[in-house]
Protein backbone atom coordinates (compact mmCIF):
# COMPACT_ATOMS: atom_id res chain seq x y z
CA MET A 1 41.91 -23.52 80.80
CA ALA A 2 44.49 -22.68 77.95
CA THR A 3 47.04 -20.14 79.58
CA LYS A 4 46.23 -17.68 76.94
CA ASP A 5 42.48 -18.05 78.35
CA ILE A 6 44.01 -17.26 82.00
CA ILE A 7 46.60 -14.34 80.90
CA SER A 8 43.27 -12.23 79.17
CA ASN A 9 40.97 -13.53 81.83
CA LYS A 10 43.51 -11.90 84.22
CA LEU A 11 44.19 -8.67 82.52
CA GLN A 12 40.63 -7.88 81.85
CA GLU A 13 39.75 -8.33 85.31
CA ALA A 14 42.77 -5.87 86.28
CA PHE A 15 42.91 -3.30 83.91
CA THR A 16 39.17 -3.47 82.20
CA PRO A 17 40.69 -2.67 78.64
CA GLU A 18 39.11 -1.09 75.87
CA SER A 19 40.89 -3.72 73.66
CA LEU A 20 42.93 -7.00 74.14
CA GLN A 21 44.32 -9.08 72.22
CA VAL A 22 46.09 -11.74 73.69
CA VAL A 23 48.94 -14.26 70.70
CA ASP A 24 49.94 -17.13 71.30
CA GLU A 25 53.35 -17.38 69.66
CA SER A 26 55.35 -20.09 70.96
CA HIS A 27 55.06 -22.01 67.35
CA LEU A 28 57.22 -19.20 66.08
CA HIS A 29 59.78 -20.15 69.26
CA GLU A 30 60.11 -24.30 68.19
CA GLY A 31 64.30 -24.96 68.92
CA HIS A 32 64.63 -21.61 70.58
CA SER A 33 65.04 -21.48 75.34
CA GLY A 34 61.84 -22.33 76.92
CA HIS A 35 59.52 -23.95 74.42
CA ARG A 36 57.37 -26.80 75.03
CA PRO A 37 56.44 -28.83 71.95
CA SER A 38 53.50 -28.59 73.67
CA GLY A 39 53.60 -24.75 73.26
CA GLU A 40 52.06 -21.92 75.52
CA THR A 41 55.11 -20.62 75.76
CA HIS A 42 55.55 -17.93 73.82
CA PHE A 43 52.87 -14.45 74.33
CA ARG A 44 52.41 -11.35 72.59
CA VAL A 45 49.77 -8.94 74.69
CA TYR A 46 48.36 -6.13 72.68
CA ILE A 47 45.83 -3.56 75.25
CA VAL A 48 44.46 -0.43 75.39
CA SER A 49 43.02 0.55 79.46
CA GLN A 50 42.81 4.06 80.75
CA ALA A 51 45.42 2.30 83.91
CA PHE A 52 48.12 3.00 81.52
CA LYS A 53 47.18 6.68 81.49
CA GLY A 54 50.28 8.72 82.58
CA LYS A 55 51.99 6.31 82.96
CA SER A 56 55.79 5.14 81.60
CA ARG A 57 56.47 2.33 79.20
CA VAL A 58 58.13 0.59 82.56
CA ASP A 59 55.31 1.18 84.83
CA ARG A 60 53.18 -0.31 82.44
CA HIS A 61 55.13 -3.88 81.88
CA ARG A 62 55.84 -4.00 85.79
CA MET A 63 51.67 -3.49 86.70
CA ILE A 64 51.65 -6.15 83.52
CA ASN A 65 54.67 -8.21 85.55
CA ALA A 66 53.19 -8.27 88.29
CA THR A 67 49.05 -9.00 87.70
CA LEU A 68 51.01 -12.55 85.56
CA THR A 69 53.21 -13.28 88.03
CA ALA A 70 51.69 -16.07 88.44
CA GLU A 71 51.97 -17.20 85.05
CA LEU A 72 55.74 -16.43 84.35
CA SER A 73 57.18 -17.69 87.22
CA GLY A 74 55.30 -20.81 85.88
CA GLY A 75 54.95 -21.68 82.02
CA VAL A 76 55.32 -18.76 80.57
CA HIS A 77 58.88 -18.08 78.74
CA ALA A 78 57.96 -14.53 77.10
CA LEU A 79 55.89 -11.90 77.46
CA ALA A 80 55.92 -9.12 74.84
CA ILE A 81 53.79 -6.53 75.77
CA GLN A 82 52.45 -2.82 74.02
CA ALA A 83 50.10 -1.17 76.35
CA GLN A 84 48.91 1.92 75.49
CA ALA A 85 46.58 4.50 76.88
CA PRO A 86 43.37 5.73 75.11
CA GLY A 87 43.60 7.75 72.44
CA GLU A 88 47.94 7.22 72.23
CA GLY A 89 49.38 5.95 68.53
CA GLY A 90 51.80 4.09 67.24
CA THR A 91 51.59 -0.35 67.08
């Protein structure tokens, strides 16, 4: 299973998001630290979940990082996160 799918499945299970998008941005980091020719090293997550209501940005990131511990200690070099509660604006 692709790393992108593993990340999506784990976040779906942990947070039951209203929306979730996981983007593999590895191709944008060719030549940078942590990049592998096979890709699957740099990801961006957009997630909207009720689980984030009342949580700070730092707490939201910690929640996601804790869910993806195995991936972050393995092949994933970088994870950019945009986590919101329903009804929050911004991009």
